[in-house]
Amino acid sequence: MELHADAFYKDDRILLMDDLIATGGTMLAAANLIQRCGGQVVETATIIDLPELGGSQKIRDAGFGVFAVCSFNESE
């Protein structure tokens, strides 16, 4: 993960978006980086969630809200 030094200011409220949540690693790494740089992640959002892989639950367990446009289970 990389972040431009001037991407936001300390205490800015940030919506973190990704195209897909599978295991949640990318979203959690980005949220951690944003917090370490002084930003406040207020929500995470994705186009597709694959809940059976457990990523969205890991993100919720870390204290972040998760919004997904659609979710797909293994049987779908």
C-alpha atoms as a PDB file:
ATOM      1  CA  MET A   1       0.000   0.000   0.000  1.00  0.00           C
ATOM      2  CA  GLU A   2       1.109   3.509  -0.796  1.00  0.00           C
ATOM      3  CA  LEU A   3      -0.485   6.832  -0.058  1.00  0.00           C
ATOM      4  CA  HIS A   4       0.407  10.301  -1.298  1.00  0.00           C
ATOM      5  CA  ALA A   5       1.564  12.543   1.545  1.00  0.00           C
ATOM      6  CA  ASP A   6      -1.017  15.177   0.563  1.00  0.00           C
ATOM      7  CA  ALA A   7      -3.945  12.804  -0.089  1.00  0.00           C
ATOM      8  CA  PHE A   8      -5.845  14.148   2.922  1.00  0.00           C
ATOM      9  CA  TYR A   9      -5.404  16.192   6.073  1.00  0.00           C
ATOM     10  CA  LYS A  10      -5.286  15.026   9.683  1.00  0.00           C
ATOM     11  CA  ASP A  11      -8.766  14.181  11.005  1.00  0.00           C
ATOM     12  CA  ASP A  12     -10.358  14.139   7.530  1.00  0.00           C
ATOM     13  CA  ARG A  13     -13.306  11.743   7.318  1.00  0.00           C
ATOM     14  CA  ILE A  14     -12.695   9.186   4.588  1.00  0.00           C
ATOM     15  CA  LEU A  15     -14.861   6.747   2.649  1.00  0.00           C
ATOM     16  CA  LEU A  16     -12.645   3.821   1.641  1.00  0.00           C
ATOM     17  CA  MET A  17     -13.728   2.099  -1.583  1.00  0.00           C
ATOM     18  CA  ASP A  18     -12.573  -1.047  -3.376  1.00  0.00           C
ATOM     19  CA  ASP A  19     -14.058  -3.000  -6.254  1.00  0.00           C
ATOM     20  CA  LEU A  20     -14.121  -6.353  -4.434  1.00  0.00           C
ATOM     21  CA  ILE A  21     -13.923  -7.677  -0.869  1.00  0.00           C
ATOM     22  CA  ALA A  22     -12.669 -11.254  -0.713  1.00  0.00           C
ATOM     23  CA  THR A  23     -10.415 -11.894   2.306  1.00  0.00           C
ATOM     24  CA  GLY A  24     -10.448  -8.243   3.400  1.00  0.00           C
ATOM     25  CA  GLY A  25      -6.669  -7.846   3.424  1.00  0.00           C
ATOM     26  CA  THR A  26      -6.462  -4.951   0.991  1.00  0.00           C
ATOM     27  CA  MET A  27      -9.247  -2.975   2.659  1.00  0.00           C
ATOM     28  CA  LEU A  28      -7.821  -3.515   6.149  1.00  0.00           C
ATOM     29  CA  ALA A  29      -4.303  -2.570   5.038  1.00  0.00           C
ATOM     30  CA  ALA A  30      -5.598   0.627   3.439  1.00  0.00           C
ATOM     31  CA  ALA A  31      -7.689   1.503   6.498  1.00  0.00           C
ATOM     32  CA  ASN A  32      -4.700   0.918   8.772  1.00  0.00           C
ATOM     33  CA  LEU A  33      -2.483   3.142   6.624  1.00  0.00           C
ATOM     34  CA  ILE A  34      -5.088   5.912   6.554  1.00  0.00           C
ATOM     35  CA  GLN A  35      -5.456   5.795  10.332  1.00  0.00           C
ATOM     36  CA  ARG A  36      -1.678   5.810  10.858  1.00  0.00           C
ATOM     37  CA  CYS A  37      -1.533   8.955   8.714  1.00  0.00           C
ATOM     38  CA  GLY A  38      -4.202  10.686  10.811  1.00  0.00           C
ATOM     39  CA  GLY A  39      -7.319  10.083   8.734  1.00  0.00           C
ATOM     40  CA  GLN A  40     -10.605   8.744  10.039  1.00  0.00           C
ATOM     41  CA  VAL A  41     -12.181   5.928   8.013  1.00  0.00           C
ATOM     42  CA  VAL A  42     -15.927   6.396   8.493  1.00  0.00           C
ATOM     43  CA  GLU A  43     -17.151   3.672   6.135  1.00  0.00           C
ATOM     44  CA  THR A  44     -15.920   1.110   3.644  1.00  0.00           C
ATOM     45  CA  ALA A  45     -17.695   0.379   0.395  1.00  0.00           C
ATOM     46  CA  THR A  46     -17.353  -2.144  -2.396  1.00  0.00           C
ATOM     47  CA  ILE A  47     -19.080  -3.156  -5.588  1.00  0.00           C
ATOM     48  CA  ILE A  48     -18.867  -6.917  -4.916  1.00  0.00           C
ATOM     49  CA  ASP A  49     -18.633  -8.726  -1.581  1.00  0.00           C
ATOM     50  CA  LEU A  50     -17.761 -12.424  -1.367  1.00  0.00           C
ATOM     51  CA  PRO A  51     -18.958 -12.971   2.235  1.00  0.00           C
ATOM     52  CA  GLU A  52     -18.121 -16.685   2.380  1.00  0.00           C
ATOM     53  CA  LEU A  53     -14.416 -15.762   2.249  1.00  0.00           C
ATOM     54  CA  GLY A  54     -14.822 -13.823   5.508  1.00  0.00           C
ATOM     55  CA  GLY A  55     -13.334 -10.489   4.464  1.00  0.00           C
ATOM     56  CA  SER A  56     -16.343  -8.299   5.128  1.00  0.00           C
ATOM     57  CA  GLN A  57     -16.726  -9.837   8.591  1.00  0.00           C
ATOM     58  CA  LYS A  58     -13.047  -9.137   9.362  1.00  0.00           C
ATOM     59  CA  ILE A  59     -13.584  -5.520   8.337  1.00  0.00           C
ATOM     60  CA  ARG A  60     -16.659  -5.239  10.577  1.00  0.00           C
ATOM     61  CA  ASP A  61     -14.748  -6.902  13.435  1.00  0.00           C
ATOM     62  CA  ALA A  62     -12.072  -4.215  13.032  1.00  0.00           C
ATOM     63  CA  GLY A  63     -14.768  -1.601  13.687  1.00  0.00           C
ATOM     64  CA  PHE A  64     -15.592  -0.413  10.188  1.00  0.00           C
ATOM     65  CA  GLY A  65     -18.958  -0.379   8.483  1.00  0.00           C
ATOM     66  CA  VAL A  66     -19.232  -2.222   5.170  1.00  0.00           C
ATOM     67  CA  PHE A  67     -21.523  -1.264   2.294  1.00  0.00           C
ATOM     68  CA  ALA A  68     -21.677  -3.571  -0.723  1.00  0.00           C
ATOM     69  CA  VAL A  69     -23.648  -3.028  -3.914  1.00  0.00           C
ATOM     70  CA  CYS A  70     -24.003  -6.792  -4.345  1.00  0.00           C
ATOM     71  CA  SER A  71     -22.897 -10.013  -2.655  1.00  0.00           C
ATOM     72  CA  PHE A  72     -22.277 -13.399  -4.211  1.00  0.00           C
ATOM     73  CA  ASN A  73     -22.199 -16.711  -2.386  1.00  0.00           C
ATOM     74  CA  GLU A  74     -20.410 -19.808  -3.656  1.00  0.00           C
ATOM     75  CA  SER A  75     -23.700 -21.344  -4.788  1.00  0.00           C
ATOM     76  CA  GLU A  76     -24.586 -18.363  -6.997  1.00  0.00           C
END
